[in-house]
């Protein structure tokens, strides 16, 4: 693994659900997310882990519980992306607490979600423990917080109708991909032009003594 991580190259990453934290302060996310047993990994290994990220383990009384793998990418253009496919799917409408903890530890945390089967999407930015700005299509409310500097008001659209009843803080920044590109990094745009440093990490959500089943690509 030490050899493989030195040969790792940037490649396009999944765009369905992920977190982003600053590369300079990312170490705080492990404690904030309650992660254990972190190990160096290549990008290929991390993505392979996301294909089967759940393991059922037995506690001391024989009851089974789910333990999840979490993949933290190398630093990419100054950002670390965090993939935790199953737990992020299960909590995608209520990530404020998680973002608060991570941003308190790392200074900033971002969450991005796109539904695989519908056009529902979420993006959210937390700074120093508080959600600063978020968009949730079909949410109530859809928009929270004040528009960021890079957002364009809806009124700039030629087809804007002031009688549509849009919220005063609504903007045209409803695309997860474009929001990610403005806030940190669009994972689908990662490639040979992307600056990469360090290596990825693979961790688990609980300390256990039996490993997740199956081999991973490296």
Foldseek 3Di string as FASTA:
>chain_A
DVVVQVVAAKAFDDQAKKKKFFPVQQVQLCVLLQWDDKDFDGPQQQVQCVVPFWDWDADPVGDTDIKGKKKWFFQWQGMIMIDGDPVCVVQVVPCLQSQLSSQLRRQKMKIWHQDPPDRWIKIWIDGNRGTAWMATVVDVVRIDHADDPPFAAPVVDPPDDPPPPDDPRDTPPPDRQVVCVVPPDRSRPMGNVIDGDDTMMMTMNDDDDDDGDDDGDD
